[in-house]
Amino acid sequence: MPVARVTLPRGVGSSYEVYINGVRQQPGADFVREGGELVFRRPLAKEGKLGFWRWLSLFLGIAGTYRQNDSVDVVYDMDGRRVVATALPIIPDETGEEPVDRDPPRSEEERPGA
């Protein structure tokens, strides 16, 4: 089964929220974190650049576009501020390997300094 990967921005700690097309995703059910990447259990895609003829047909109102165009956003805290990283690049992974949760969410008791 194809999966998709997204590289997390620098500074994302253990507390963050992930959204695809504005819908919040659940760790473990929708994605897992593998180091500095999020691995999604379903394929995601960006539409990409439009060619001249496709752009022209859209401009003239002849045709629309119905391609898959997912947007991955991550909300996290950095230096006491809430930061939103939007439209992160999607890396398709055609290996078919099921993601493994190598960095499971930790409870409050397990976090350092708690």
N, C-alpha and C. Protein backbone atom coordinates (compact mmCIF):
# COMPACT_ATOMS: atom_id res chain seq x y z
N MET A 1 0.85 -1.18 0.00
CA MET A 1 0.00 0.00 0.00
C MET A 1 0.89 1.24 0.00
N PRO A 2 0.68 2.15 -0.93
CA PRO A 2 1.49 3.36 -0.96
C PRO A 2 1.22 4.24 0.27
N VAL A 3 2.25 4.85 0.75
CA VAL A 3 2.12 5.78 1.87
C VAL A 3 2.75 7.11 1.43
N ALA A 4 2.61 8.12 2.26
CA ALA A 4 3.20 9.42 1.95
C ALA A 4 3.97 9.90 3.17
N ARG A 5 5.03 10.64 2.91
CA ARG A 5 5.87 11.18 3.98
C ARG A 5 5.90 12.70 3.89
N VAL A 6 6.02 13.32 5.06
CA VAL A 6 6.18 14.77 5.15
C VAL A 6 7.29 15.04 6.15
N THR A 7 8.27 15.83 5.76
CA THR A 7 9.36 16.19 6.65
C THR A 7 8.90 17.30 7.58
N LEU A 8 9.09 17.10 8.87
CA LEU A 8 8.69 18.10 9.86
C LEU A 8 9.65 19.28 9.85
N PRO A 9 9.15 20.48 10.10
CA PRO A 9 10.05 21.63 10.23
C PRO A 9 10.93 21.49 11.46
N ARG A 10 12.07 22.18 11.46
CA ARG A 10 12.94 22.17 12.63
C ARG A 10 12.20 22.77 13.81
N GLY A 11 12.47 22.23 14.98
CA GLY A 11 11.87 22.77 16.19
C GLY A 11 10.58 22.11 16.61
N VAL A 12 10.05 21.15 15.83
CA VAL A 12 8.83 20.46 16.23
C VAL A 12 9.19 19.45 17.30
N GLY A 13 8.63 19.62 18.48
CA GLY A 13 8.90 18.72 19.58
C GLY A 13 7.91 17.57 19.62
N SER A 14 7.60 17.13 20.82
CA SER A 14 6.69 15.99 20.96
C SER A 14 5.22 16.40 20.98
N SER A 15 4.95 17.70 21.11
CA SER A 15 3.58 18.18 21.13
C SER A 15 3.29 18.97 19.85
N TYR A 16 2.43 18.42 19.01
CA TYR A 16 2.09 19.07 17.75
C TYR A 16 0.75 18.53 17.26
N GLU A 17 0.14 19.25 16.34
CA GLU A 17 -1.11 18.84 15.72
C GLU A 17 -0.89 18.77 14.21
N VAL A 18 -1.53 17.81 13.56
CA VAL A 18 -1.38 17.63 12.13
C VAL A 18 -2.76 17.72 11.48
N TYR A 19 -2.82 18.47 10.37
CA TYR A 19 -4.06 18.64 9.62
C TYR A 19 -3.82 18.33 8.16
N ILE A 20 -4.76 17.61 7.55
CA ILE A 20 -4.76 17.40 6.10
C ILE A 20 -6.02 18.05 5.57
N ASN A 21 -5.84 19.01 4.68
CA ASN A 21 -6.96 19.75 4.10
C ASN A 21 -7.88 20.32 5.19
N GLY A 22 -7.28 20.75 6.30
CA GLY A 22 -8.03 21.38 7.37
C GLY A 22 -8.66 20.42 8.37
N VAL A 23 -8.49 19.11 8.18
CA VAL A 23 -9.07 18.10 9.08
C VAL A 23 -7.96 17.55 9.96
N ARG A 24 -8.18 17.61 11.28
CA ARG A 24 -7.16 17.13 12.22
C ARG A 24 -6.96 15.62 12.09
N GLN A 25 -5.71 15.21 12.09
CA GLN A 25 -5.34 13.80 11.98
C GLN A 25 -4.92 13.27 13.34
N GLN A 26 -5.17 11.99 13.57
CA GLN A 26 -4.87 11.37 14.86
C GLN A 26 -3.60 10.53 14.78
N PRO A 27 -2.64 10.79 15.69
CA PRO A 27 -1.41 9.97 15.71
C PRO A 27 -1.75 8.51 15.94
N GLY A 28 -1.08 7.63 15.22
CA GLY A 28 -1.32 6.20 15.37
C GLY A 28 -2.39 5.69 14.43
N ALA A 29 -3.47 6.45 14.27
CA ALA A 29 -4.56 6.03 13.39
C ALA A 29 -4.34 6.52 11.96
N ASP A 30 -3.95 7.79 11.81
CA ASP A 30 -3.78 8.38 10.49
C ASP A 30 -2.32 8.50 10.06
N PHE A 31 -1.42 8.62 11.02
CA PHE A 31 0.00 8.79 10.71
C PHE A 31 0.83 8.33 11.89
N VAL A 32 2.11 8.12 11.64
CA VAL A 32 3.08 7.86 12.70
C VAL A 32 4.27 8.78 12.46
N ARG A 33 5.00 9.05 13.53
CA ARG A 33 6.21 9.86 13.42
C ARG A 33 7.41 8.93 13.39
N GLU A 34 8.24 9.10 12.38
CA GLU A 34 9.49 8.35 12.27
C GLU A 34 10.62 9.37 12.24
N GLY A 35 11.18 9.64 13.40
CA GLY A 35 12.24 10.64 13.49
C GLY A 35 11.70 12.02 13.16
N GLY A 36 12.25 12.63 12.11
CA GLY A 36 11.83 13.96 11.69
C GLY A 36 10.81 13.96 10.57
N GLU A 37 10.12 12.82 10.39
CA GLU A 37 9.12 12.71 9.33
C GLU A 37 7.81 12.19 9.89
N LEU A 38 6.74 12.59 9.21
CA LEU A 38 5.42 12.01 9.46
C LEU A 38 5.16 11.05 8.31
N VAL A 39 4.69 9.85 8.63
CA VAL A 39 4.37 8.85 7.61
C VAL A 39 2.88 8.59 7.68
N PHE A 40 2.20 8.87 6.57
CA PHE A 40 0.75 8.70 6.50
C PHE A 40 0.40 7.35 5.91
N ARG A 41 -0.66 6.76 6.39
CA ARG A 41 -1.07 5.42 5.99
C ARG A 41 -1.88 5.42 4.69
N ARG A 42 -2.00 6.56 4.06
CA ARG A 42 -2.73 6.64 2.79
C ARG A 42 -1.95 7.55 1.85
N PRO A 43 -2.16 7.39 0.56
CA PRO A 43 -1.43 8.24 -0.38
C PRO A 43 -1.93 9.67 -0.33
N LEU A 44 -1.01 10.61 -0.42
CA LEU A 44 -1.33 12.03 -0.50
C LEU A 44 -0.66 12.56 -1.76
N ALA A 45 -1.20 13.62 -2.34
CA ALA A 45 -0.62 14.15 -3.57
C ALA A 45 -0.85 15.65 -3.67
N LYS A 46 0.10 16.31 -4.32
CA LYS A 46 -0.05 17.72 -4.69
C LYS A 46 -0.37 17.76 -6.18
N GLU A 47 -1.13 18.74 -6.58
CA GLU A 47 -1.54 18.82 -7.98
C GLU A 47 -0.37 19.08 -8.92
N GLY A 48 0.59 19.84 -8.49
CA GLY A 48 1.72 20.14 -9.36
C GLY A 48 1.43 21.33 -10.26
N LYS A 49 2.38 21.63 -11.11
CA LYS A 49 2.25 22.78 -12.00
C LYS A 49 1.35 22.45 -13.18
N LEU A 50 0.63 23.45 -13.63
CA LEU A 50 -0.23 23.29 -14.79
C LEU A 50 0.55 23.59 -16.06
N GLY A 51 0.33 22.79 -17.08
CA GLY A 51 0.91 23.07 -18.38
C GLY A 51 0.17 24.23 -19.04
N PHE A 52 0.74 24.72 -20.13
CA PHE A 52 0.17 25.89 -20.80
C PHE A 52 -1.27 25.64 -21.22
N TRP A 53 -1.55 24.51 -21.90
CA TRP A 53 -2.90 24.26 -22.42
C TRP A 53 -3.90 24.07 -21.31
N ARG A 54 -3.51 23.43 -20.25
CA ARG A 54 -4.43 23.25 -19.12
C ARG A 54 -4.72 24.60 -18.47
N TRP A 55 -3.66 25.40 -18.29
CA TRP A 55 -3.83 26.73 -17.71
C TRP A 55 -4.76 27.58 -18.59
N LEU A 56 -4.54 27.53 -19.90
CA LEU A 56 -5.35 28.30 -20.83
C LEU A 56 -6.81 27.86 -20.77
N SER A 57 -7.06 26.56 -20.72
CA SER A 57 -8.44 26.07 -20.66
C SER A 57 -9.12 26.48 -19.35
N LEU A 58 -8.36 26.53 -18.26
CA LEU A 58 -8.92 27.03 -17.00
C LEU A 58 -9.21 28.52 -17.09
N PHE A 59 -8.27 29.26 -17.66
CA PHE A 59 -8.41 30.71 -17.78
C PHE A 59 -9.63 31.08 -18.63
N LEU A 60 -9.85 30.33 -19.70
CA LEU A 60 -10.98 30.60 -20.59
C LEU A 60 -12.28 29.99 -20.09
N GLY A 61 -12.22 29.22 -19.02
CA GLY A 61 -13.44 28.63 -18.46
C GLY A 61 -13.92 27.43 -19.22
N ILE A 62 -13.05 26.82 -20.02
CA ILE A 62 -13.44 25.66 -20.81
C ILE A 62 -13.48 24.40 -19.94
N ALA A 63 -12.52 24.28 -19.05
CA ALA A 63 -12.43 23.07 -18.23
C ALA A 63 -12.02 23.46 -16.81
N GLY A 64 -12.33 22.60 -15.89
CA GLY A 64 -11.90 22.78 -14.50
C GLY A 64 -10.79 21.79 -14.19
N THR A 65 -10.37 21.78 -12.93
CA THR A 65 -9.35 20.82 -12.53
C THR A 65 -9.87 20.03 -11.34
N TYR A 66 -9.74 18.73 -11.42
CA TYR A 66 -10.25 17.86 -10.37
C TYR A 66 -9.18 16.91 -9.87
N ARG A 67 -7.95 17.32 -9.93
CA ARG A 67 -6.86 16.48 -9.47
C ARG A 67 -6.76 16.55 -7.95
N GLN A 68 -6.19 15.50 -7.36
CA GLN A 68 -5.98 15.48 -5.91
C GLN A 68 -4.95 16.54 -5.54
N ASN A 69 -5.27 17.35 -4.54
CA ASN A 69 -4.37 18.43 -4.13
C ASN A 69 -4.43 18.55 -2.61
N ASP A 70 -3.70 17.67 -1.93
CA ASP A 70 -3.72 17.66 -0.47
C ASP A 70 -2.78 18.72 0.11
N SER A 71 -3.17 19.24 1.26
CA SER A 71 -2.35 20.21 1.98
C SER A 71 -2.12 19.70 3.39
N VAL A 72 -0.85 19.58 3.79
CA VAL A 72 -0.51 19.10 5.13
C VAL A 72 0.01 20.29 5.94
N ASP A 73 -0.63 20.53 7.08
CA ASP A 73 -0.25 21.62 7.98
C ASP A 73 0.10 21.04 9.34
N VAL A 74 1.10 21.63 9.99
CA VAL A 74 1.51 21.20 11.33
C VAL A 74 1.51 22.42 12.24
N VAL A 75 0.86 22.28 13.40
CA VAL A 75 0.81 23.34 14.41
C VAL A 75 1.64 22.87 15.59
N TYR A 76 2.59 23.72 16.05
CA TYR A 76 3.46 23.33 17.15
C TYR A 76 3.90 24.57 17.92
N ASP A 77 4.48 24.37 19.10
CA ASP A 77 4.98 25.47 19.92
C ASP A 77 6.48 25.60 19.75
N MET A 78 6.94 26.86 19.62
CA MET A 78 8.37 27.11 19.49
C MET A 78 8.68 28.40 20.25
N ASP A 79 9.53 28.28 21.26
CA ASP A 79 9.90 29.42 22.09
C ASP A 79 8.68 30.11 22.69
N GLY A 80 7.70 29.32 23.11
CA GLY A 80 6.51 29.87 23.74
C GLY A 80 5.48 30.44 22.78
N ARG A 81 5.74 30.34 21.48
CA ARG A 81 4.80 30.84 20.48
C ARG A 81 4.18 29.66 19.73
N ARG A 82 2.95 29.84 19.30
CA ARG A 82 2.28 28.84 18.48
C ARG A 82 2.65 29.11 17.02
N VAL A 83 3.20 28.10 16.35
CA VAL A 83 3.67 28.24 14.98
C VAL A 83 2.86 27.30 14.08
N VAL A 84 2.51 27.78 12.89
CA VAL A 84 1.79 26.96 11.92
C VAL A 84 2.64 26.84 10.66
N ALA A 85 3.01 25.62 10.31
CA ALA A 85 3.73 25.35 9.06
C ALA A 85 2.69 24.83 8.07
N THR A 86 2.48 25.56 6.98
CA THR A 86 1.42 25.21 6.05
C THR A 86 1.97 24.65 4.74
N ALA A 87 1.14 23.84 4.10
CA ALA A 87 1.43 23.28 2.77
C ALA A 87 2.83 22.65 2.71
N LEU A 88 3.12 21.79 3.69
CA LEU A 88 4.42 21.12 3.71
C LEU A 88 4.56 20.19 2.50
N PRO A 89 5.76 20.07 1.95
CA PRO A 89 5.95 19.21 0.77
C PRO A 89 5.66 17.75 1.09
N ILE A 90 4.96 17.10 0.18
CA ILE A 90 4.59 15.69 0.33
C ILE A 90 5.57 14.85 -0.48
N ILE A 91 6.11 13.82 0.16
CA ILE A 91 7.05 12.91 -0.49
C ILE A 91 6.35 11.57 -0.68
N PRO A 92 6.00 11.21 -1.92
CA PRO A 92 5.34 9.91 -2.11
C PRO A 92 6.31 8.77 -1.81
N ASP A 93 5.81 7.72 -1.20
CA ASP A 93 6.62 6.55 -0.86
C ASP A 93 5.93 5.34 -1.45
N GLU A 94 6.45 4.84 -2.53
CA GLU A 94 5.84 3.72 -3.25
C GLU A 94 6.38 2.37 -2.81
N THR A 95 7.10 2.30 -1.69
CA THR A 95 7.68 1.02 -1.26
C THR A 95 6.62 0.04 -0.81
N GLY A 96 5.48 0.57 -0.37
CA GLY A 96 4.42 -0.31 0.10
C GLY A 96 4.61 -0.78 1.52
N GLU A 97 5.68 -0.32 2.18
CA GLU A 97 5.91 -0.74 3.56
C GLU A 97 4.99 0.00 4.50
N GLU A 98 4.38 -0.73 5.38
CA GLU A 98 3.49 -0.14 6.39
C GLU A 98 4.34 0.63 7.39
N PRO A 99 3.95 1.87 7.74
CA PRO A 99 4.74 2.64 8.70
C PRO A 99 4.72 2.00 10.08
N VAL A 100 5.82 2.15 10.79
CA VAL A 100 5.96 1.61 12.14
C VAL A 100 6.08 2.79 13.10
N ASP A 101 5.33 2.76 14.18
CA ASP A 101 5.35 3.87 15.14
C ASP A 101 6.59 3.75 16.01
N ARG A 102 7.69 4.41 15.58
CA ARG A 102 8.95 4.35 16.31
C ARG A 102 9.05 5.42 17.40
N ASP A 103 8.19 6.42 17.33
CA ASP A 103 8.22 7.52 18.29
C ASP A 103 6.81 7.73 18.82
N PRO A 104 6.28 6.78 19.61
CA PRO A 104 4.89 6.89 20.05
C PRO A 104 4.71 8.09 20.98
N PRO A 105 3.49 8.64 21.00
CA PRO A 105 3.24 9.74 21.93
C PRO A 105 3.48 9.30 23.37
N ARG A 106 4.05 10.20 24.17
CA ARG A 106 4.35 9.87 25.56
C ARG A 106 3.33 10.52 26.49
N SER A 107 3.08 9.85 27.59
CA SER A 107 2.18 10.42 28.58
C SER A 107 2.91 11.50 29.37
N GLU A 108 2.17 12.25 30.14
CA GLU A 108 2.76 13.34 30.94
C GLU A 108 3.83 12.81 31.89
N GLU A 109 3.65 11.62 32.44
CA GLU A 109 4.61 11.05 33.40
C GLU A 109 5.95 10.72 32.75
N GLU A 110 5.91 10.36 31.45
CA GLU A 110 7.13 9.93 30.75
C GLU A 110 7.94 11.10 30.22
N ARG A 111 7.35 12.27 30.12
CA ARG A 111 8.06 13.42 29.56
C ARG A 111 9.11 13.94 30.54
N PRO A 112 10.26 14.33 29.98
CA PRO A 112 11.30 14.86 30.87
C PRO A 112 10.83 16.15 31.54
N GLY A 113 11.18 16.29 32.80
CA GLY A 113 10.83 17.50 33.55
C GLY A 113 9.41 17.52 34.06
N ALA A 114 8.67 16.43 33.85
CA ALA A 114 7.27 16.40 34.31
C ALA A 114 7.20 15.98 35.76
